[in-house]
């Protein structure tokens, strides 16, 4: 039986450097590994053998609109073999089951496990594996891409994380991230935190990927469809107990640079597996549970599933 931490680690970030494991040093994980290492923490990247070889030799190299250019020396292993204060889970949802085998439950110790994945269903998977009090669901807002193993291009002038839990319990964790330059908020409403991102991300991901268009073209050429999909996602969010404002979501899309692409669209163009089930599938399952009609979302998810199954071209 694994012990449950009460508020581990109890000390603040100024008391000592933390040991941080990063499962999946890609666009998000690699960026966080770099800035946490620069802040003086011990960072252990957990990845496949090819990536581990590169990181051991060259470290993490970040080019960032927010942090500038930096090279961080990190440790790299294919499986975590010692307890850590914090384990950031930053793999794609499609790779999660296999990736978790690299972080044995009995090794995590009393450290936090913070998933930064798209979707709303993964926290329960992690709780089942590592224990409810260890897992702190998180939501990250950032535009960052791995261009090659160890090479990170961070395009957005911001990196923001929302943590779900009691502020008094998660204060030291939030402070560690803040001191590394990551704007961090703590809120005790997990449902609201997760749905705030999914209700925004799902319309963006589904439409840009289905039509192969950047957000600027979507919001002009497909405006009516975008508005309908935003309204559907907001209705499901509210049915799940999370507030949602469709007008605010549309305003955020309108403020985006016109050439912005969703990560799902980039994955589709690169021939990588899509997080369709974690994003679109989760939206449909929640809609079904609460009997919320989502005809636009259903049509787009069905079309993308067919395309994924047949590996056909992006629909224009």
C-alpha atoms as a PDB file:
ATOM      1  CA  UNK A   1       0.000   0.000   0.000  1.00  0.00           C
ATOM      2  CA  UNK A   2       1.401   3.393  -0.998  1.00  0.00           C
ATOM      3  CA  UNK A   3       1.414   6.141   1.588  1.00  0.00           C
ATOM      4  CA  UNK A   4      -0.526   9.310   0.769  1.00  0.00           C
ATOM      5  CA  UNK A   5       1.221  12.686   1.076  1.00  0.00           C
ATOM      6  CA  UNK A   6      -0.489  15.387   3.098  1.00  0.00           C
ATOM      7  CA  UNK A   7       1.050  18.440   1.453  1.00  0.00           C
ATOM      8  CA  UNK A   8       4.378  17.208   0.129  1.00  0.00           C
ATOM      9  CA  UNK A   9       6.822  18.815  -0.209  1.00  0.00           C
ATOM     10  CA  UNK A  10       6.338  20.803   2.983  1.00  0.00           C
ATOM     11  CA  UNK A  11       9.250  23.170   2.443  1.00  0.00           C
ATOM     12  CA  UNK A  12       9.066  26.204   0.200  1.00  0.00           C
ATOM     13  CA  UNK A  13      11.029  26.585  -3.018  1.00  0.00           C
ATOM     14  CA  UNK A  14      13.616  28.864  -1.412  1.00  0.00           C
ATOM     15  CA  UNK A  15      14.648  26.174   1.090  1.00  0.00           C
ATOM     16  CA  UNK A  16      16.334  23.872  -1.427  1.00  0.00           C
ATOM     17  CA  UNK A  17      16.310  22.882  -5.091  1.00  0.00           C
ATOM     18  CA  UNK A  18      13.638  20.380  -6.058  1.00  0.00           C
ATOM     19  CA  UNK A  19      14.105  17.180  -7.978  1.00  0.00           C
ATOM     20  CA  UNK A  20      11.749  17.221 -10.973  1.00  0.00           C
ATOM     21  CA  UNK A  21      11.005  14.387 -13.381  1.00  0.00           C
ATOM     22  CA  UNK A  22       9.634  15.366 -16.790  1.00  0.00           C
ATOM     23  CA  UNK A  23       7.864  12.545 -18.574  1.00  0.00           C
ATOM     24  CA  UNK A  24       7.886  13.548 -22.229  1.00  0.00           C
ATOM     25  CA  UNK A  25      10.443  16.324 -22.914  1.00  0.00           C
ATOM     26  CA  UNK A  26       8.645  17.550 -26.049  1.00  0.00           C
ATOM     27  CA  UNK A  27       7.293  21.018 -26.773  1.00  0.00           C
ATOM     28  CA  UNK A  28       5.717  21.475 -23.349  1.00  0.00           C
ATOM     29  CA  UNK A  29       7.867  19.153 -21.248  1.00  0.00           C
ATOM     30  CA  UNK A  30      11.125  20.258 -22.836  1.00  0.00           C
ATOM     31  CA  UNK A  31      10.322  23.914 -22.257  1.00  0.00           C
ATOM     32  CA  UNK A  32       9.483  23.306 -18.593  1.00  0.00           C
ATOM     33  CA  UNK A  33      12.576  21.124 -18.164  1.00  0.00           C
ATOM     34  CA  UNK A  34      14.705  23.945 -19.530  1.00  0.00           C
ATOM     35  CA  UNK A  35      13.328  26.748 -17.383  1.00  0.00           C
ATOM     36  CA  UNK A  36      13.233  24.638 -14.210  1.00  0.00           C
ATOM     37  CA  UNK A  37      16.846  23.597 -14.736  1.00  0.00           C
ATOM     38  CA  UNK A  38      17.824  27.216 -15.328  1.00  0.00           C
ATOM     39  CA  UNK A  39      16.090  28.093 -12.030  1.00  0.00           C
ATOM     40  CA  UNK A  40      18.449  25.715 -10.216  1.00  0.00           C
ATOM     41  CA  UNK A  41      16.363  22.565  -9.862  1.00  0.00           C
ATOM     42  CA  UNK A  42      17.546  19.056 -10.626  1.00  0.00           C
ATOM     43  CA  UNK A  43      15.663  17.898 -13.738  1.00  0.00           C
ATOM     44  CA  UNK A  44      15.389  14.294 -14.861  1.00  0.00           C
ATOM     45  CA  UNK A  45      13.866  13.830 -18.317  1.00  0.00           C
ATOM     46  CA  UNK A  46      12.188  10.470 -18.881  1.00  0.00           C
ATOM     47  CA  UNK A  47      11.949   9.448 -22.527  1.00  0.00           C
ATOM     48  CA  UNK A  48      12.812   6.833 -25.138  1.00  0.00           C
ATOM     49  CA  UNK A  49      16.369   5.685 -25.763  1.00  0.00           C
ATOM     50  CA  UNK A  50      17.051   7.890 -28.795  1.00  0.00           C
ATOM     51  CA  UNK A  51      15.908  11.050 -27.013  1.00  0.00           C
ATOM     52  CA  UNK A  52      17.808  10.095 -23.866  1.00  0.00           C
ATOM     53  CA  UNK A  53      21.052   9.805 -25.850  1.00  0.00           C
ATOM     54  CA  UNK A  54      20.604  13.278 -27.327  1.00  0.00           C
ATOM     55  CA  UNK A  55      19.699  14.893 -24.003  1.00  0.00           C
ATOM     56  CA  UNK A  56      22.663  13.333 -22.222  1.00  0.00           C
ATOM     57  CA  UNK A  57      24.988  14.645 -24.910  1.00  0.00           C
ATOM     58  CA  UNK A  58      23.512  18.051 -25.742  1.00  0.00           C
ATOM     59  CA  UNK A  59      21.002  18.953 -23.035  1.00  0.00           C
ATOM     60  CA  UNK A  60      17.793  20.871 -23.754  1.00  0.00           C
ATOM     61  CA  UNK A  61      18.063  23.782 -26.182  1.00  0.00           C
ATOM     62  CA  UNK A  62      15.240  26.329 -26.040  1.00  0.00           C
ATOM     63  CA  UNK A  63      14.556  29.282 -28.324  1.00  0.00           C
ATOM     64  CA  UNK A  64      11.806  31.272 -26.660  1.00  0.00           C
ATOM     65  CA  UNK A  65       9.888  34.488 -27.233  1.00  0.00           C
ATOM     66  CA  UNK A  66       9.513  34.711 -23.446  1.00  0.00           C
ATOM     67  CA  UNK A  67      12.731  33.272 -22.005  1.00  0.00           C
ATOM     68  CA  UNK A  68      15.220  33.950 -24.778  1.00  0.00           C
ATOM     69  CA  UNK A  69      17.740  31.315 -25.866  1.00  0.00           C
ATOM     70  CA  UNK A  70      18.944  28.873 -23.263  1.00  0.00           C
ATOM     71  CA  UNK A  71      20.718  25.541 -23.030  1.00  0.00           C
ATOM     72  CA  UNK A  72      20.025  23.443 -19.942  1.00  0.00           C
ATOM     73  CA  UNK A  73      21.949  20.409 -18.827  1.00  0.00           C
ATOM     74  CA  UNK A  74      19.515  17.752 -17.614  1.00  0.00           C
ATOM     75  CA  UNK A  75      19.676  14.150 -16.582  1.00  0.00           C
ATOM     76  CA  UNK A  76      17.937  11.699 -18.900  1.00  0.00           C
ATOM     77  CA  UNK A  77      16.689   8.164 -18.260  1.00  0.00           C
ATOM     78  CA  UNK A  78      14.341   5.695 -19.920  1.00  0.00           C
ATOM     79  CA  UNK A  79      12.701   4.857 -16.578  1.00  0.00           C
ATOM     80  CA  UNK A  80      12.519   6.780 -13.318  1.00  0.00           C
ATOM     81  CA  UNK A  81      14.407   4.892 -10.611  1.00  0.00           C
ATOM     82  CA  UNK A  82      14.286   7.263  -7.628  1.00  0.00           C
ATOM     83  CA  UNK A  83      11.724   9.407  -5.791  1.00  0.00           C
ATOM     84  CA  UNK A  84      11.225  13.008  -6.893  1.00  0.00           C
ATOM     85  CA  UNK A  85       9.463  16.053  -5.494  1.00  0.00           C
ATOM     86  CA  UNK A  86       7.531  16.635  -8.707  1.00  0.00           C
ATOM     87  CA  UNK A  87       6.722  14.586 -11.785  1.00  0.00           C
ATOM     88  CA  UNK A  88       5.379  16.552 -14.759  1.00  0.00           C
ATOM     89  CA  UNK A  89       3.477  14.354 -17.210  1.00  0.00           C
ATOM     90  CA  UNK A  90       3.752  16.096 -20.577  1.00  0.00           C
ATOM     91  CA  UNK A  91       3.278  13.372 -23.164  1.00  0.00           C
ATOM     92  CA  UNK A  92       0.519  13.352 -25.764  1.00  0.00           C
ATOM     93  CA  UNK A  93      -2.633  11.563 -24.661  1.00  0.00           C
ATOM     94  CA  UNK A  94      -2.079   8.980 -27.419  1.00  0.00           C
ATOM     95  CA  UNK A  95       1.231   7.984 -25.801  1.00  0.00           C
ATOM     96  CA  UNK A  96       0.070   8.059 -22.175  1.00  0.00           C
ATOM     97  CA  UNK A  97      -0.450   4.327 -21.403  1.00  0.00           C
ATOM     98  CA  UNK A  98       2.991   3.289 -22.648  1.00  0.00           C
ATOM     99  CA  UNK A  99       4.707   6.354 -21.180  1.00  0.00           C
ATOM    100  CA  UNK A 100       3.363   5.719 -17.678  1.00  0.00           C
ATOM    101  CA  UNK A 101       5.256   2.427 -17.617  1.00  0.00           C
ATOM    102  CA  UNK A 102       8.390   4.565 -17.352  1.00  0.00           C
ATOM    103  CA  UNK A 103       7.211   5.989 -13.986  1.00  0.00           C
ATOM    104  CA  UNK A 104       6.583   3.061 -11.587  1.00  0.00           C
ATOM    105  CA  UNK A 105       4.045   3.938  -8.847  1.00  0.00           C
ATOM    106  CA  UNK A 106       6.322   2.767  -6.033  1.00  0.00           C
ATOM    107  CA  UNK A 107       9.135   5.043  -7.225  1.00  0.00           C
ATOM    108  CA  UNK A 108       7.250   8.344  -7.186  1.00  0.00           C
ATOM    109  CA  UNK A 109       7.402   8.463  -3.390  1.00  0.00           C
ATOM    110  CA  UNK A 110       5.566  11.401  -1.828  1.00  0.00           C
ATOM    111  CA  UNK A 111       6.044  13.720  -4.795  1.00  0.00           C
ATOM    112  CA  UNK A 112       3.377  15.501  -6.782  1.00  0.00           C
ATOM    113  CA  UNK A 113       2.265  14.087 -10.135  1.00  0.00           C
ATOM    114  CA  UNK A 114       1.072  16.934 -12.365  1.00  0.00           C
ATOM    115  CA  UNK A 115      -0.428  15.985 -15.743  1.00  0.00           C
ATOM    116  CA  UNK A 116      -0.438  18.719 -18.387  1.00  0.00           C
ATOM    117  CA  UNK A 117      -2.405  16.869 -21.057  1.00  0.00           C
ATOM    118  CA  UNK A 118      -5.266  17.908 -23.275  1.00  0.00           C
ATOM    119  CA  UNK A 119      -8.688  16.564 -22.321  1.00  0.00           C
ATOM    120  CA  UNK A 120     -10.581  15.936 -19.105  1.00  0.00           C
ATOM    121  CA  UNK A 121     -10.484  12.180 -18.531  1.00  0.00           C
ATOM    122  CA  UNK A 122      -6.807  11.462 -17.823  1.00  0.00           C
ATOM    123  CA  UNK A 123      -6.697  12.590 -14.138  1.00  0.00           C
ATOM    124  CA  UNK A 124      -8.696   9.536 -13.082  1.00  0.00           C
ATOM    125  CA  UNK A 125      -6.249   7.266 -14.917  1.00  0.00           C
ATOM    126  CA  UNK A 126      -3.359   8.821 -13.047  1.00  0.00           C
ATOM    127  CA  UNK A 127      -5.160   8.710  -9.711  1.00  0.00           C
ATOM    128  CA  UNK A 128      -5.760   5.008 -10.177  1.00  0.00           C
ATOM    129  CA  UNK A 129      -2.046   4.463 -10.744  1.00  0.00           C
ATOM    130  CA  UNK A 130      -0.410   6.896  -8.291  1.00  0.00           C
ATOM    131  CA  UNK A 131      -3.023   7.673  -5.647  1.00  0.00           C
ATOM    132  CA  UNK A 132      -5.570  10.454  -5.435  1.00  0.00           C
ATOM    133  CA  UNK A 133      -3.610  12.911  -3.282  1.00  0.00           C
ATOM    134  CA  UNK A 134      -0.450  12.692  -5.354  1.00  0.00           C
ATOM    135  CA  UNK A 135      -2.163  13.763  -8.566  1.00  0.00           C
ATOM    136  CA  UNK A 136      -2.663  17.488  -9.139  1.00  0.00           C
ATOM    137  CA  UNK A 137      -4.457  18.119 -12.454  1.00  0.00           C
ATOM    138  CA  UNK A 138      -2.984  20.981 -14.398  1.00  0.00           C
ATOM    139  CA  UNK A 139      -3.799  22.977 -17.507  1.00  0.00           C
ATOM    140  CA  UNK A 140      -1.090  24.715 -19.513  1.00  0.00           C
ATOM    141  CA  UNK A 141      -1.486  27.512 -22.034  1.00  0.00           C
ATOM    142  CA  UNK A 142       1.542  27.811 -24.288  1.00  0.00           C
ATOM    143  CA  UNK A 143       2.608  27.499 -27.913  1.00  0.00           C
ATOM    144  CA  UNK A 144       5.739  25.375 -27.910  1.00  0.00           C
ATOM    145  CA  UNK A 145       7.015  22.735 -30.328  1.00  0.00           C
ATOM    146  CA  UNK A 146       9.775  20.157 -30.336  1.00  0.00           C
ATOM    147  CA  UNK A 147      11.538  20.508 -33.694  1.00  0.00           C
ATOM    148  CA  UNK A 148      14.002  17.685 -32.927  1.00  0.00           C
ATOM    149  CA  UNK A 149      14.982  15.747 -29.793  1.00  0.00           C
ATOM    150  CA  UNK A 150      16.158  18.341 -27.294  1.00  0.00           C
ATOM    151  CA  UNK A 151      15.304  21.320 -29.545  1.00  0.00           C
ATOM    152  CA  UNK A 152      12.340  23.415 -28.380  1.00  0.00           C
ATOM    153  CA  UNK A 153      10.784  26.375 -30.212  1.00  0.00           C
ATOM    154  CA  UNK A 154       8.608  28.405 -27.832  1.00  0.00           C
ATOM    155  CA  UNK A 155       6.609  30.856 -29.899  1.00  0.00           C
ATOM    156  CA  UNK A 156       4.170  32.393 -27.422  1.00  0.00           C
ATOM    157  CA  UNK A 157       5.233  35.287 -25.169  1.00  0.00           C
ATOM    158  CA  UNK A 158       3.607  33.509 -22.219  1.00  0.00           C
ATOM    159  CA  UNK A 159       3.606  30.205 -20.344  1.00  0.00           C
ATOM    160  CA  UNK A 160       0.680  29.793 -17.947  1.00  0.00           C
ATOM    161  CA  UNK A 161      -0.386  26.871 -15.763  1.00  0.00           C
ATOM    162  CA  UNK A 162      -3.553  26.430 -13.738  1.00  0.00           C
ATOM    163  CA  UNK A 163      -3.364  23.855 -10.932  1.00  0.00           C
ATOM    164  CA  UNK A 164      -6.503  22.307  -9.464  1.00  0.00           C
ATOM    165  CA  UNK A 165      -6.488  21.909  -5.701  1.00  0.00           C
ATOM    166  CA  UNK A 166      -6.468  23.746  -2.395  1.00  0.00           C
ATOM    167  CA  UNK A 167      -4.325  26.900  -2.658  1.00  0.00           C
ATOM    168  CA  UNK A 168      -2.873  26.462   0.831  1.00  0.00           C
ATOM    169  CA  UNK A 169      -1.765  22.912  -0.046  1.00  0.00           C
ATOM    170  CA  UNK A 170      -0.309  23.686  -3.462  1.00  0.00           C
ATOM    171  CA  UNK A 171       1.405  26.959  -2.572  1.00  0.00           C
ATOM    172  CA  UNK A 172       4.982  25.570  -2.606  1.00  0.00           C
ATOM    173  CA  UNK A 173       4.399  23.832  -5.945  1.00  0.00           C
ATOM    174  CA  UNK A 174       2.974  26.991  -7.515  1.00  0.00           C
ATOM    175  CA  UNK A 175       5.881  29.018  -6.146  1.00  0.00           C
ATOM    176  CA  UNK A 176       8.461  26.709  -7.740  1.00  0.00           C
ATOM    177  CA  UNK A 177       6.828  27.157 -11.133  1.00  0.00           C
ATOM    178  CA  UNK A 178       6.429  30.910 -10.657  1.00  0.00           C
ATOM    179  CA  UNK A 179      10.076  31.342  -9.741  1.00  0.00           C
ATOM    180  CA  UNK A 180      11.024  29.556 -12.962  1.00  0.00           C
ATOM    181  CA  UNK A 181       9.005  32.132 -14.927  1.00  0.00           C
ATOM    182  CA  UNK A 182       5.791  30.162 -15.416  1.00  0.00           C
ATOM    183  CA  UNK A 183       2.719  32.153 -14.430  1.00  0.00           C
ATOM    184  CA  UNK A 184       0.822  29.783 -12.129  1.00  0.00           C
ATOM    185  CA  UNK A 185      -2.635  29.985 -10.599  1.00  0.00           C
ATOM    186  CA  UNK A 186      -4.263  27.595  -8.141  1.00  0.00           C
ATOM    187  CA  UNK A 187      -8.012  27.018  -8.074  1.00  0.00           C
ATOM    188  CA  UNK A 188      -9.947  24.440  -6.102  1.00  0.00           C
ATOM    189  CA  UNK A 189     -12.476  23.738  -8.898  1.00  0.00           C
ATOM    190  CA  UNK A 190     -10.945  20.987 -11.014  1.00  0.00           C
ATOM    191  CA  UNK A 191     -13.974  20.685 -13.283  1.00  0.00           C
ATOM    192  CA  UNK A 192     -13.913  24.377 -14.132  1.00  0.00           C
ATOM    193  CA  UNK A 193     -10.158  24.358 -14.789  1.00  0.00           C
ATOM    194  CA  UNK A 194     -10.240  21.375 -17.139  1.00  0.00           C
ATOM    195  CA  UNK A 195     -13.368  22.456 -19.007  1.00  0.00           C
ATOM    196  CA  UNK A 196     -12.103  26.014 -19.449  1.00  0.00           C
ATOM    197  CA  UNK A 197      -9.405  24.618 -21.689  1.00  0.00           C
ATOM    198  CA  UNK A 198     -11.419  21.876 -23.400  1.00  0.00           C
ATOM    199  CA  UNK A 199     -14.314  24.184 -24.292  1.00  0.00           C
ATOM    200  CA  UNK A 200     -11.782  26.466 -25.971  1.00  0.00           C
ATOM    201  CA  UNK A 201      -9.537  23.792 -27.456  1.00  0.00           C
ATOM    202  CA  UNK A 202     -12.128  21.449 -28.976  1.00  0.00           C
ATOM    203  CA  UNK A 203     -13.592  23.897 -31.542  1.00  0.00           C
ATOM    204  CA  UNK A 204     -10.102  25.136 -32.436  1.00  0.00           C
ATOM    205  CA  UNK A 205      -8.651  21.641 -32.857  1.00  0.00           C
ATOM    206  CA  UNK A 206     -11.595  20.057 -34.662  1.00  0.00           C
ATOM    207  CA  UNK A 207     -12.124  22.820 -37.220  1.00  0.00           C
ATOM    208  CA  UNK A 208      -8.482  23.591 -38.030  1.00  0.00           C
ATOM    209  CA  UNK A 209      -7.707  19.897 -38.412  1.00  0.00           C
ATOM    210  CA  UNK A 210     -10.802  18.960 -40.414  1.00  0.00           C
ATOM    211  CA  UNK A 211     -10.431  21.783 -42.931  1.00  0.00           C
ATOM    212  CA  UNK A 212      -6.658  22.136 -42.857  1.00  0.00           C
ATOM    213  CA  UNK A 213      -6.995  25.859 -42.183  1.00  0.00           C
ATOM    214  CA  UNK A 214      -5.296  28.187 -39.725  1.00  0.00           C
ATOM    215  CA  UNK A 215      -7.514  29.960 -37.223  1.00  0.00           C
ATOM    216  CA  UNK A 216      -7.625  33.175 -39.282  1.00  0.00           C
ATOM    217  CA  UNK A 217      -9.241  31.345 -42.189  1.00  0.00           C
ATOM    218  CA  UNK A 218     -11.537  29.374 -39.890  1.00  0.00           C
ATOM    219  CA  UNK A 219     -12.895  32.475 -38.185  1.00  0.00           C
ATOM    220  CA  UNK A 220     -13.687  34.112 -41.524  1.00  0.00           C
ATOM    221  CA  UNK A 221     -14.498  31.295 -43.960  1.00  0.00           C
ATOM    222  CA  UNK A 222     -16.146  29.039 -41.355  1.00  0.00           C
ATOM    223  CA  UNK A 223     -17.468  31.625 -38.899  1.00  0.00           C
ATOM    224  CA  UNK A 224     -20.977  30.210 -38.575  1.00  0.00           C
ATOM    225  CA  UNK A 225     -19.667  26.711 -37.973  1.00  0.00           C
ATOM    226  CA  UNK A 226     -17.130  28.002 -35.458  1.00  0.00           C
ATOM    227  CA  UNK A 227     -19.817  29.880 -33.516  1.00  0.00           C
ATOM    228  CA  UNK A 228     -22.095  26.830 -33.494  1.00  0.00           C
ATOM    229  CA  UNK A 229     -19.318  24.557 -32.253  1.00  0.00           C
ATOM    230  CA  UNK A 230     -18.291  27.022 -29.546  1.00  0.00           C
ATOM    231  CA  UNK A 231     -21.913  27.152 -28.382  1.00  0.00           C
ATOM    232  CA  UNK A 232     -22.095  23.346 -28.243  1.00  0.00           C
ATOM    233  CA  UNK A 233     -18.879  23.048 -26.232  1.00  0.00           C
ATOM    234  CA  UNK A 234     -20.078  25.758 -23.834  1.00  0.00           C
ATOM    235  CA  UNK A 235     -23.405  23.976 -23.334  1.00  0.00           C
ATOM    236  CA  UNK A 236     -21.631  20.720 -22.454  1.00  0.00           C
ATOM    237  CA  UNK A 237     -19.269  22.563 -20.114  1.00  0.00           C
ATOM    238  CA  UNK A 238     -22.193  24.157 -18.268  1.00  0.00           C
ATOM    239  CA  UNK A 239     -23.982  20.797 -18.041  1.00  0.00           C
ATOM    240  CA  UNK A 240     -20.861  19.396 -16.360  1.00  0.00           C
ATOM    241  CA  UNK A 241     -20.910  22.198 -13.806  1.00  0.00           C
ATOM    242  CA  UNK A 242     -18.297  24.508 -15.316  1.00  0.00           C
ATOM    243  CA  UNK A 243     -19.122  28.076 -16.394  1.00  0.00           C
ATOM    244  CA  UNK A 244     -18.588  28.935 -20.047  1.00  0.00           C
ATOM    245  CA  UNK A 245     -18.956  32.115 -22.097  1.00  0.00           C
ATOM    246  CA  UNK A 246     -19.202  31.531 -25.878  1.00  0.00           C
ATOM    247  CA  UNK A 247     -18.769  35.221 -26.665  1.00  0.00           C
ATOM    248  CA  UNK A 248     -15.528  35.358 -24.691  1.00  0.00           C
ATOM    249  CA  UNK A 249     -14.245  32.246 -26.455  1.00  0.00           C
ATOM    250  CA  UNK A 250     -14.953  33.736 -29.871  1.00  0.00           C
ATOM    251  CA  UNK A 251     -13.208  36.940 -28.819  1.00  0.00           C
ATOM    252  CA  UNK A 252     -10.123  34.915 -27.876  1.00  0.00           C
ATOM    253  CA  UNK A 253     -10.098  33.271 -31.306  1.00  0.00           C
ATOM    254  CA  UNK A 254     -10.418  36.692 -32.938  1.00  0.00           C
ATOM    255  CA  UNK A 255      -7.369  37.896 -30.992  1.00  0.00           C
ATOM    256  CA  UNK A 256      -5.183  34.983 -32.130  1.00  0.00           C
ATOM    257  CA  UNK A 257      -2.600  35.583 -34.881  1.00  0.00           C
ATOM    258  CA  UNK A 258      -4.281  34.491 -38.104  1.00  0.00           C
ATOM    259  CA  UNK A 259      -1.663  31.848 -38.902  1.00  0.00           C
ATOM    260  CA  UNK A 260      -2.130  29.984 -35.587  1.00  0.00           C
ATOM    261  CA  UNK A 261      -2.597  26.233 -35.912  1.00  0.00           C
ATOM    262  CA  UNK A 262      -3.845  23.773 -33.321  1.00  0.00           C
ATOM    263  CA  UNK A 263      -1.495  21.043 -32.127  1.00  0.00           C
ATOM    264  CA  UNK A 264      -3.909  18.473 -33.563  1.00  0.00           C
ATOM    265  CA  UNK A 265      -3.647  20.117 -36.974  1.00  0.00           C
ATOM    266  CA  UNK A 266       0.163  20.055 -36.783  1.00  0.00           C
ATOM    267  CA  UNK A 267       0.036  16.381 -35.812  1.00  0.00           C
ATOM    268  CA  UNK A 268      -2.254  15.629 -38.762  1.00  0.00           C
ATOM    269  CA  UNK A 269       0.031  17.399 -41.208  1.00  0.00           C
ATOM    270  CA  UNK A 270       3.047  15.515 -39.827  1.00  0.00           C
ATOM    271  CA  UNK A 271       1.277  12.151 -40.008  1.00  0.00           C
ATOM    272  CA  UNK A 272       1.339  11.671 -36.235  1.00  0.00           C
ATOM    273  CA  UNK A 273      -1.489  10.100 -34.197  1.00  0.00           C
ATOM    274  CA  UNK A 274      -4.225  12.571 -33.288  1.00  0.00           C
ATOM    275  CA  UNK A 275      -5.552  13.338 -29.817  1.00  0.00           C
ATOM    276  CA  UNK A 276      -9.014  13.095 -31.321  1.00  0.00           C
ATOM    277  CA  UNK A 277     -10.455  10.824 -28.661  1.00  0.00           C
ATOM    278  CA  UNK A 278      -9.039  12.865 -25.776  1.00  0.00           C
ATOM    279  CA  UNK A 279     -10.477  16.098 -27.190  1.00  0.00           C
ATOM    280  CA  UNK A 280     -13.413  15.391 -29.482  1.00  0.00           C
ATOM    281  CA  UNK A 281     -14.292  12.007 -28.023  1.00  0.00           C
ATOM    282  CA  UNK A 282     -14.307  13.347 -24.467  1.00  0.00           C
ATOM    283  CA  UNK A 283     -16.608  16.186 -25.548  1.00  0.00           C
ATOM    284  CA  UNK A 284     -19.065  13.754 -27.145  1.00  0.00           C
ATOM    285  CA  UNK A 285     -19.043  11.396 -24.164  1.00  0.00           C
ATOM    286  CA  UNK A 286     -19.782  14.245 -21.767  1.00  0.00           C
ATOM    287  CA  UNK A 287     -22.545  15.499 -24.059  1.00  0.00           C
ATOM    288  CA  UNK A 288     -24.089  12.038 -24.130  1.00  0.00           C
ATOM    289  CA  UNK A 289     -23.992  11.717 -20.335  1.00  0.00           C
ATOM    290  CA  UNK A 290     -25.895  14.992 -19.956  1.00  0.00           C
ATOM    291  CA  UNK A 291     -28.147  14.633 -23.037  1.00  0.00           C
ATOM    292  CA  UNK A 292     -26.756  17.782 -24.670  1.00  0.00           C
ATOM    293  CA  UNK A 293     -27.158  17.837 -28.476  1.00  0.00           C
ATOM    294  CA  UNK A 294     -23.861  18.462 -30.286  1.00  0.00           C
ATOM    295  CA  UNK A 295     -24.529  17.917 -33.999  1.00  0.00           C
ATOM    296  CA  UNK A 296     -21.595  19.948 -35.309  1.00  0.00           C
ATOM    297  CA  UNK A 297     -19.091  18.296 -32.957  1.00  0.00           C
ATOM    298  CA  UNK A 298     -20.495  14.850 -33.753  1.00  0.00           C
ATOM    299  CA  UNK A 299     -20.137  15.415 -37.498  1.00  0.00           C
ATOM    300  CA  UNK A 300     -16.567  16.696 -37.255  1.00  0.00           C
ATOM    301  CA  UNK A 301     -15.403  13.944 -34.915  1.00  0.00           C
ATOM    302  CA  UNK A 302     -16.966  11.283 -37.139  1.00  0.00           C
ATOM    303  CA  UNK A 303     -15.298  12.744 -40.226  1.00  0.00           C
ATOM    304  CA  UNK A 304     -11.910  12.936 -38.542  1.00  0.00           C
ATOM    305  CA  UNK A 305     -12.225   9.381 -37.280  1.00  0.00           C
ATOM    306  CA  UNK A 306     -12.866   8.173 -40.816  1.00  0.00           C
ATOM    307  CA  UNK A 307      -9.905  10.143 -42.079  1.00  0.00           C
ATOM    308  CA  UNK A 308      -7.694   8.814 -39.315  1.00  0.00           C
ATOM    309  CA  UNK A 309      -8.751   5.245 -40.010  1.00  0.00           C
ATOM    310  CA  UNK A 310      -8.167   5.545 -43.745  1.00  0.00           C
ATOM    311  CA  UNK A 311      -5.166   7.911 -43.491  1.00  0.00           C
ATOM    312  CA  UNK A 312      -6.683  10.088 -46.148  1.00  0.00           C
ATOM    313  CA  UNK A 313      -5.765  13.714 -46.933  1.00  0.00           C
ATOM    314  CA  UNK A 314      -6.925  16.713 -44.974  1.00  0.00           C
ATOM    315  CA  UNK A 315     -10.325  17.881 -46.230  1.00  0.00           C
ATOM    316  CA  UNK A 316     -10.166  21.380 -47.776  1.00  0.00           C
END
